[in-house]
Each structure stands twice: as structure tokens, then as C-alpha cells.
PDB file of N, CA and C in Angstrom:
ATOM      1  N   MET A   1       0.818  -0.900   0.335  1.00  0.00           N
ATOM      2  CA  MET A   1      -0.215   0.006  -0.152  1.00  0.00           C
ATOM      3  C   MET A   1       1.190   1.178   0.162  1.00  0.00           C
ATOM      4  N   SER A   2       0.626   2.096  -0.300  1.00  0.00           N
ATOM      5  CA  SER A   2       1.275   3.343  -0.891  1.00  0.00           C
ATOM      6  C   SER A   2       0.610   4.503   0.189  1.00  0.00           C
ATOM      7  N   SER A   3       1.775   5.207   1.048  1.00  0.00           N
ATOM      8  CA  SER A   3       1.057   5.953   1.792  1.00  0.00           C
ATOM      9  C   SER A   3       0.488   7.170   1.552  1.00  0.00           C
ATOM     10  N   ASP A   4       0.733   7.700   0.638  1.00  0.00           N
ATOM     11  CA  ASP A   4      -0.038   8.912  -0.140  1.00  0.00           C
ATOM     12  C   ASP A   4      -1.355   8.276  -1.250  1.00  0.00           C
ATOM     13  N   ALA A   5      -1.533   7.299  -1.174  1.00  0.00           N
ATOM     14  CA  ALA A   5      -2.561   6.672  -1.870  1.00  0.00           C
ATOM     15  C   ALA A   5      -3.993   6.915  -1.120  1.00  0.00           C
ATOM     16  N   ARG A   6      -5.175   6.970  -2.030  1.00  0.00           N
ATOM     17  CA  ARG A   6      -6.680   7.285  -1.631  1.00  0.00           C
ATOM     18  C   ARG A   6      -6.863   5.538  -1.199  1.00  0.00           C
ATOM     19  N   TYR A   7      -8.030   4.901  -0.484  1.00  0.00           N
ATOM     20  CA  TYR A   7      -8.466   3.954  -0.376  1.00  0.00           C
ATOM     21  C   TYR A   7     -10.040   3.811   0.016  1.00  0.00           C
ATOM     22  N   PHE A   8     -10.620   2.891   0.062  1.00  0.00           N
ATOM     23  CA  PHE A   8     -12.041   3.012   0.168  1.00  0.00           C
ATOM     24  C   PHE A   8     -12.521   1.756   0.921  1.00  0.00           C
ATOM     25  N   PHE A   9     -13.569   1.487   1.659  1.00  0.00           N
ATOM     26  CA  PHE A   9     -13.886   0.226   2.403  1.00  0.00           C
ATOM     27  C   PHE A   9     -15.282  -0.171   1.302  1.00  0.00           C
ATOM     28  N   ASP A  10     -15.365  -1.387   1.524  1.00  0.00           N
ATOM     29  CA  ASP A  10     -16.760  -1.941   0.703  1.00  0.00           C
ATOM     30  C   ASP A  10     -16.528  -3.421   1.062  1.00  0.00           C
ATOM     31  N   GLN A  11     -17.704  -4.083   0.777  1.00  0.00           N
ATOM     32  CA  GLN A  11     -17.798  -5.362   1.230  1.00  0.00           C
ATOM     33  C   GLN A  11     -17.686  -6.169  -0.121  1.00  0.00           C
ATOM     34  N   ASP A  12     -17.420  -7.316  -0.421  1.00  0.00           N
ATOM     35  CA  ASP A  12     -17.389  -8.443  -1.480  1.00  0.00           C
ATOM     36  C   ASP A  12     -18.611  -9.023  -1.758  1.00  0.00           C
ATOM     37  N   GLY A  13     -18.991 -10.095  -2.528  1.00  0.00           N
ATOM     38  CA  GLY A  13     -20.093 -10.367  -2.909  1.00  0.00           C
ATOM     39  C   GLY A  13     -20.336 -11.630  -1.613  1.00  0.00           C
ATOM     40  N   CYS A  14     -19.078 -12.175  -0.627  1.00  0.00           N
ATOM     41  CA  CYS A  14     -19.511 -12.815   0.367  1.00  0.00           C
ATOM     42  C   CYS A  14     -19.586 -11.577   1.950  1.00  0.00           C
ATOM     43  N   CYS A  15     -19.926 -10.286   1.436  1.00  0.00           N
ATOM     44  CA  CYS A  15     -19.957  -9.483   3.039  1.00  0.00           C
ATOM     45  C   CYS A  15     -18.689  -9.223   3.546  1.00  0.00           C
ATOM     46  N   LEU A  16     -17.872  -9.507   3.049  1.00  0.00           N
ATOM     47  CA  LEU A  16     -16.335  -9.437   4.067  1.00  0.00           C
ATOM     48  C   LEU A  16     -16.077  -8.108   3.645  1.00  0.00           C
ATOM     49  N   TRP A  17     -15.644  -7.345   4.306  1.00  0.00           N
ATOM     50  CA  TRP A  17     -14.959  -6.123   4.297  1.00  0.00           C
ATOM     51  C   TRP A  17     -13.533  -6.061   3.804  1.00  0.00           C
ATOM     52  N   ARG A  18     -13.474  -5.257   2.899  1.00  0.00           N
ATOM     53  CA  ARG A  18     -11.866  -5.291   2.158  1.00  0.00           C
ATOM     54  C   ARG A  18     -11.875  -3.602   1.919  1.00  0.00           C
ATOM     55  N   LEU A  19     -10.359  -3.162   1.882  1.00  0.00           N
ATOM     56  CA  LEU A  19     -10.092  -2.132   1.485  1.00  0.00           C
ATOM     57  C   LEU A  19      -9.611  -2.127   0.240  1.00  0.00           C
ATOM     58  N   ILE A  20      -9.844  -1.419  -0.552  1.00  0.00           N
ATOM     59  CA  ILE A  20      -9.871  -0.958  -2.220  1.00  0.00           C
ATOM     60  C   ILE A  20      -8.802   0.192  -2.412  1.00  0.00           C
ATOM     61  N   PRO A  21      -8.021   0.051  -3.357  1.00  0.00           N
ATOM     62  CA  PRO A  21      -7.384   1.142  -3.832  1.00  0.00           C
ATOM     63  C   PRO A  21      -8.504   2.249  -4.438  1.00  0.00           C
ATOM     64  N   GLU A  22      -8.499   3.440  -4.348  1.00  0.00           N
ATOM     65  CA  GLU A  22      -9.424   4.349  -4.904  1.00  0.00           C
ATOM     66  C   GLU A  22      -8.801   4.197  -6.064  1.00  0.00           C
ATOM     67  N   ALA A  23      -8.130   3.994  -6.587  1.00  0.00           N
ATOM     68  CA  ALA A  23      -7.536   4.566  -8.352  1.00  0.00           C
ATOM     69  C   ALA A  23      -8.489   2.934  -8.891  1.00  0.00           C
ATOM     70  N   ARG A  24      -8.676   2.109  -8.380  1.00  0.00           N
ATOM     71  CA  ARG A  24      -8.809   1.093  -8.952  1.00  0.00           C
ATOM     72  C   ARG A  24     -10.573   0.838  -8.621  1.00  0.00           C
ATOM     73  N   ARG A  25     -11.144   1.574  -8.272  1.00  0.00           N
ATOM     74  CA  ARG A  25     -12.716   1.639  -8.062  1.00  0.00           C
ATOM     75  C   ARG A  25     -13.586   1.176  -8.832  1.00  0.00           C
ATOM     76  N   GLN A  26     -12.928   1.659 -10.251  1.00  0.00           N
ATOM     77  CA  GLN A  26     -14.162   1.461 -11.391  1.00  0.00           C
ATOM     78  C   GLN A  26     -14.097  -0.153 -11.801  1.00  0.00           C
ATOM     79  N   GLU A  27     -12.640  -1.149 -11.652  1.00  0.00           N
ATOM     80  CA  GLU A  27     -12.025  -2.230 -11.800  1.00  0.00           C
ATOM     81  C   GLU A  27     -12.812  -2.756 -10.662  1.00  0.00           C
ATOM     82  N   TRP A  28     -12.771  -2.526  -9.260  1.00  0.00           N
ATOM     83  CA  TRP A  28     -13.582  -3.239  -8.123  1.00  0.00           C
ATOM     84  C   TRP A  28     -15.052  -3.438  -8.472  1.00  0.00           C
ATOM     85  N   ASN A  29     -15.535  -2.378  -9.081  1.00  0.00           N
ATOM     86  CA  ASN A  29     -16.863  -2.388  -9.130  1.00  0.00           C
ATOM     87  C   ASN A  29     -17.101  -3.173 -10.233  1.00  0.00           C
ATOM     88  N   ALA A  30     -16.539  -3.538 -11.573  1.00  0.00           N
ATOM     89  CA  ALA A  30     -16.892  -4.205 -12.592  1.00  0.00           C
ATOM     90  C   ALA A  30     -16.708  -5.723 -12.159  1.00  0.00           C
ATOM     91  N   TRP A  31     -15.562  -5.682 -11.060  1.00  0.00           N
ATOM     92  CA  TRP A  31     -15.609  -7.420 -10.655  1.00  0.00           C
ATOM     93  C   TRP A  31     -16.963  -7.781  -9.713  1.00  0.00           C
ATOM     94  N   LEU A  32     -17.140  -6.811  -8.893  1.00  0.00           N
ATOM     95  CA  LEU A  32     -18.432  -6.992  -8.166  1.00  0.00           C
ATOM     96  C   LEU A  32     -19.799  -7.316  -9.369  1.00  0.00           C
ATOM     97  N   GLU A  33     -19.360  -6.808 -10.388  1.00  0.00           N
ATOM     98  CA  GLU A  33     -20.636  -6.965 -11.088  1.00  0.00           C
ATOM     99  C   GLU A  33     -20.825  -8.072 -11.740  1.00  0.00           C
ATOM    100  N   LEU A  34     -19.807  -9.400 -11.847  1.00  0.00           N
ATOM    101  CA  LEU A  34     -19.584 -10.468 -12.516  1.00  0.00           C
ATOM    102  C   LEU A  34     -20.394 -11.373 -12.321  1.00  0.00           C
ATOM    103  N   ASP A  35     -21.068 -12.146 -12.989  1.00  0.00           N
ATOM    104  CA  ASP A  35     -22.020 -13.086 -12.403  1.00  0.00           C
ATOM    105  C   ASP A  35     -21.081 -14.465 -11.644  1.00  0.00           C
ATOM    106  N   GLY A  36     -22.213 -14.719 -10.396  1.00  0.00           N
ATOM    107  CA  GLY A  36     -21.626 -15.504  -9.852  1.00  0.00           C
ATOM    108  C   GLY A  36     -20.990 -17.421 -10.242  1.00  0.00           C
ATOM    109  N   ASP A  37     -21.483 -17.344 -11.425  1.00  0.00           N
ATOM    110  CA  ASP A  37     -20.948 -18.732 -12.202  1.00  0.00           C
ATOM    111  C   ASP A  37     -19.591 -18.087 -13.324  1.00  0.00           C
ATOM    112  N   ASP A  38     -18.948 -17.167 -13.184  1.00  0.00           N
ATOM    113  CA  ASP A  38     -18.147 -16.924 -13.624  1.00  0.00           C
ATOM    114  C   ASP A  38     -16.968 -17.084 -12.815  1.00  0.00           C
ATOM    115  N   PRO A  39     -16.093 -17.962 -13.048  1.00  0.00           N
ATOM    116  CA  PRO A  39     -14.803 -18.098 -12.528  1.00  0.00           C
ATOM    117  C   PRO A  39     -13.933 -17.364 -11.714  1.00  0.00           C
ATOM    118  N   ALA A  40     -14.192 -15.873 -12.507  1.00  0.00           N
ATOM    119  CA  ALA A  40     -12.876 -14.660 -12.521  1.00  0.00           C
ATOM    120  C   ALA A  40     -13.919 -14.396 -10.944  1.00  0.00           C
ATOM    121  N   SER A  41     -15.126 -14.307 -10.930  1.00  0.00           N
ATOM    122  CA  SER A  41     -15.532 -13.985  -9.611  1.00  0.00           C
ATOM    123  C   SER A  41     -15.625 -14.870  -8.533  1.00  0.00           C
ATOM    124  N   TRP A  42     -14.977 -15.887  -8.543  1.00  0.00           N
ATOM    125  CA  TRP A  42     -14.747 -16.216  -7.377  1.00  0.00           C
ATOM    126  C   TRP A  42     -13.315 -16.227  -6.312  1.00  0.00           C
ATOM    127  N   GLU A  43     -12.203 -15.515  -6.953  1.00  0.00           N
ATOM    128  CA  GLU A  43     -11.499 -14.930  -6.119  1.00  0.00           C
ATOM    129  C   GLU A  43     -11.466 -13.367  -6.344  1.00  0.00           C
ATOM    130  N   PRO A  44     -11.499 -12.715  -5.621  1.00  0.00           N
ATOM    131  CA  PRO A  44     -11.168 -11.202  -5.288  1.00  0.00           C
ATOM    132  C   PRO A  44      -9.996 -10.810  -5.934  1.00  0.00           C
ATOM    133  N   PRO A  45     -10.246  -9.848  -6.702  1.00  0.00           N
ATOM    134  CA  PRO A  45      -8.682  -9.376  -6.956  1.00  0.00           C
ATOM    135  C   PRO A  45      -7.688  -9.018  -5.946  1.00  0.00           C
ATOM    136  N   ALA A  46      -6.015  -9.363  -6.040  1.00  0.00           N
ATOM    137  CA  ALA A  46      -5.012  -9.484  -5.260  1.00  0.00           C
ATOM    138  C   ALA A  46      -5.102  -7.863  -4.475  1.00  0.00           C
ATOM    139  N   TYR A  47      -5.732  -6.795  -5.307  1.00  0.00           N
ATOM    140  CA  TYR A  47      -5.728  -5.812  -4.407  1.00  0.00           C
ATOM    141  C   TYR A  47      -6.692  -5.227  -3.871  1.00  0.00           C
ATOM    142  N   ALA A  48      -7.475  -5.986  -3.419  1.00  0.00           N
ATOM    143  CA  ALA A  48      -8.611  -5.860  -2.782  1.00  0.00           C
ATOM    144  C   ALA A  48      -8.321  -6.451  -1.056  1.00  0.00           C
ATOM    145  N   TRP A  49      -7.435  -5.796  -0.087  1.00  0.00           N
ATOM    146  CA  TRP A  49      -7.037  -6.239   1.249  1.00  0.00           C
ATOM    147  C   TRP A  49      -8.169  -6.647   2.356  1.00  0.00           C
ATOM    148  N   LEU A  50      -8.435  -8.058   2.340  1.00  0.00           N
ATOM    149  CA  LEU A  50      -9.475  -8.541   3.135  1.00  0.00           C
ATOM    150  C   LEU A  50      -8.928  -7.854   4.673  1.00  0.00           C
ATOM    151  N   LEU A  51     -10.019  -7.334   5.216  1.00  0.00           N
ATOM    152  CA  LEU A  51     -10.095  -6.364   6.897  1.00  0.00           C
ATOM    153  C   LEU A  51     -10.266  -7.782   7.870  1.00  0.00           C
ATOM    154  N   ASP A  52     -11.160  -8.280   7.413  1.00  0.00           N
ATOM    155  CA  ASP A  52     -11.803  -9.493   8.569  1.00  0.00           C
ATOM    156  C   ASP A  52     -11.676  -8.682   9.877  1.00  0.00           C
ATOM    157  N   ASP A  53     -10.858  -9.334  10.606  1.00  0.00           N
ATOM    158  CA  ASP A  53     -10.993  -8.942  12.161  1.00  0.00           C
ATOM    159  C   ASP A  53      -9.537  -7.968  12.537  1.00  0.00           C
ATOM    160  N   ARG A  54      -9.345  -7.406  11.372  1.00  0.00           N
ATOM    161  CA  ARG A  54      -7.758  -6.654  11.293  1.00  0.00           C
ATOM    162  C   ARG A  54      -8.627  -5.225  11.285  1.00  0.00           C
ATOM    163  N   LEU A  55      -8.830  -4.733  11.689  1.00  0.00           N
ATOM    164  CA  LEU A  55      -9.802  -3.578  11.205  1.00  0.00           C
ATOM    165  C   LEU A  55      -9.117  -2.699  12.688  1.00  0.00           C
ATOM    166  N   SER A  56      -8.231  -2.920  13.723  1.00  0.00           N
ATOM    167  CA  SER A  56      -7.534  -2.578  14.557  1.00  0.00           C
ATOM    168  C   SER A  56      -6.581  -2.154  14.445  1.00  0.00           C
ATOM    169  N   GLU A  57      -6.087  -2.743  13.400  1.00  0.00           N
ATOM    170  CA  GLU A  57      -4.387  -2.692  12.787  1.00  0.00           C
ATOM    171  C   GLU A  57      -4.350  -1.626  12.224  1.00  0.00           C
ATOM    172  N   MET A  58      -5.296  -1.312  11.982  1.00  0.00           N
ATOM    173  CA  MET A  58      -5.255   0.027  10.425  1.00  0.00           C
ATOM    174  C   MET A  58      -5.019   1.320  11.344  1.00  0.00           C
ATOM    175  N   THR A  59      -4.470   2.072  10.764  1.00  0.00           N
ATOM    176  CA  THR A  59      -4.306   3.754  11.134  1.00  0.00           C
ATOM    177  C   THR A  59      -4.486   4.790  10.504  1.00  0.00           C
ATOM    178  N   PHE A  60      -5.117   5.868  10.538  1.00  0.00           N
ATOM    179  CA  PHE A  60      -5.191   7.182   9.402  1.00  0.00           C
ATOM    180  C   PHE A  60      -4.470   8.070   9.883  1.00  0.00           C
ATOM    181  N   SER A  61      -4.592   9.072   8.778  1.00  0.00           N
ATOM    182  CA  SER A  61      -3.771  10.402   8.581  1.00  0.00           C
ATOM    183  C   SER A  61      -4.927  11.420   7.834  1.00  0.00           C
ATOM    184  N   LEU A  62      -5.807  11.881   8.553  1.00  0.00           N
ATOM    185  CA  LEU A  62      -6.265  12.805   7.804  1.00  0.00           C
ATOM    186  C   LEU A  62      -6.970  12.079   6.904  1.00  0.00           C
ATOM    187  N   PRO A  63      -8.142  11.272   7.531  1.00  0.00           N
ATOM    188  CA  PRO A  63      -9.130  10.562   6.533  1.00  0.00           C
ATOM    189  C   PRO A  63     -10.231  11.902   6.032  1.00  0.00           C
ATOM    190  N   SER A  64     -10.498  11.494   4.841  1.00  0.00           N
ATOM    191  CA  SER A  64     -11.286  12.522   4.235  1.00  0.00           C
ATOM    192  C   SER A  64     -12.796  11.326   3.882  1.00  0.00           C
ATOM    193  N   LYS A  65     -13.826  12.456   3.676  1.00  0.00           N
ATOM    194  CA  LYS A  65     -15.075  11.541   3.342  1.00  0.00           C
ATOM    195  C   LYS A  65     -14.980  12.484   1.771  1.00  0.00           C
ATOM    196  N   ARG A  66     -15.862  11.559   1.001  1.00  0.00           N
ATOM    197  CA  ARG A  66     -16.282  11.851  -0.679  1.00  0.00           C
ATOM    198  C   ARG A  66     -17.511  12.559  -0.262  1.00  0.00           C
ATOM    199  N   PRO A  67     -17.606  13.476  -1.325  1.00  0.00           N
ATOM    200  CA  PRO A  67     -18.990  14.288  -1.030  1.00  0.00           C
ATOM    201  C   PRO A  67     -20.081  13.776  -0.985  1.00  0.00           C
ATOM    202  N   ALA A  68     -21.301  13.735  -1.117  1.00  0.00           N
ATOM    203  CA  ALA A  68     -22.788  13.153  -0.741  1.00  0.00           C
ATOM    204  C   ALA A  68     -22.842  12.764  -2.483  1.00  0.00           C
ATOM    205  N   HIS A  69     -23.768  11.821  -2.580  1.00  0.00           N
ATOM    206  CA  HIS A  69     -24.113  11.560  -3.790  1.00  0.00           C
ATOM    207  C   HIS A  69     -25.427  11.926  -3.613  1.00  0.00           C
ATOM    208  N   PRO A  70     -25.845  12.214  -4.842  1.00  0.00           N
ATOM    209  CA  PRO A  70     -27.452  13.159  -5.039  1.00  0.00           C
ATOM    210  C   PRO A  70     -28.301  11.855  -4.640  1.00  0.00           C
ATOM    211  N   ALA A  71     -29.280  12.429  -4.396  1.00  0.00           N
ATOM    212  CA  ALA A  71     -30.649  11.502  -3.858  1.00  0.00           C
ATOM    213  C   ALA A  71     -30.786  10.527  -5.402  1.00  0.00           C
ATOM    214  N   GLY A  72     -31.092   9.387  -5.287  1.00  0.00           N
ATOM    215  CA  GLY A  72     -31.451   8.143  -6.130  1.00  0.00           C
ATOM    216  C   GLY A  72     -30.332   7.670  -6.815  1.00  0.00           C
ATOM    217  N   MET A  73     -29.192   8.427  -6.318  1.00  0.00           N
ATOM    218  CA  MET A  73     -27.584   8.025  -7.926  1.00  0.00           C
ATOM    219  C   MET A  73     -27.468   6.422  -6.620  1.00  0.00           C
ATOM    220  N   SER A  74     -26.496   5.776  -7.102  1.00  0.00           N
ATOM    221  CA  SER A  74     -25.747   4.705  -6.711  1.00  0.00           C
ATOM    222  C   SER A  74     -24.358   5.113  -5.952  1.00  0.00           C
ATOM    223  N   ARG A  75     -24.133   4.537  -4.829  1.00  0.00           N
ATOM    224  CA  ARG A  75     -22.742   5.117  -4.415  1.00  0.00           C
ATOM    225  C   ARG A  75     -21.587   4.406  -5.192  1.00  0.00           C
ATOM    226  N   ARG A  76     -21.582   3.604  -5.966  1.00  0.00           N
ATOM    227  CA  ARG A  76     -20.994   2.970  -6.951  1.00  0.00           C
ATOM    228  C   ARG A  76     -20.191   3.811  -8.204  1.00  0.00           C
TER     229      ARG A  76
END
């Protein structure tokens, strides 16, 4: 992980929380949209860091919040 890169939290298809590089958001969203029968959907991308019980190991420096989305728009 780069110290100056931006990341976001999201859940994969198994409802596990992952830390995803902001620069790969579109690629992550495309992976989430894969059909469950597609073998490419069976393993999450290597850049999607599994958080599971390691949330207490995470530290932040000046976290920021993305602007709110207009009503009715998807967060993705």
C-alpha cells in the first residue's frame, strides 16, 4: 500500500469488508458485477485487502469523506 494513495472500504460478494485503492474503484465495481458462475468472480482481486478482524490494526492520517451523492444515485 502506498502511503499517499487513497483507499475506500467496501464489501465483496460474501459480505467481507475489504480495503480497495481508490484508483481501482471502477475495476473493483466491474468485478462485483460479475456473474457468480463466472470463475473470475470466485477469487477477489489481489489489490482488495481483506480486513476481517484486522480493523484494529488500521491507522489513518487525515481521512476524508467523499461528497454525498445526489438522491437516487448509486454509491458505486
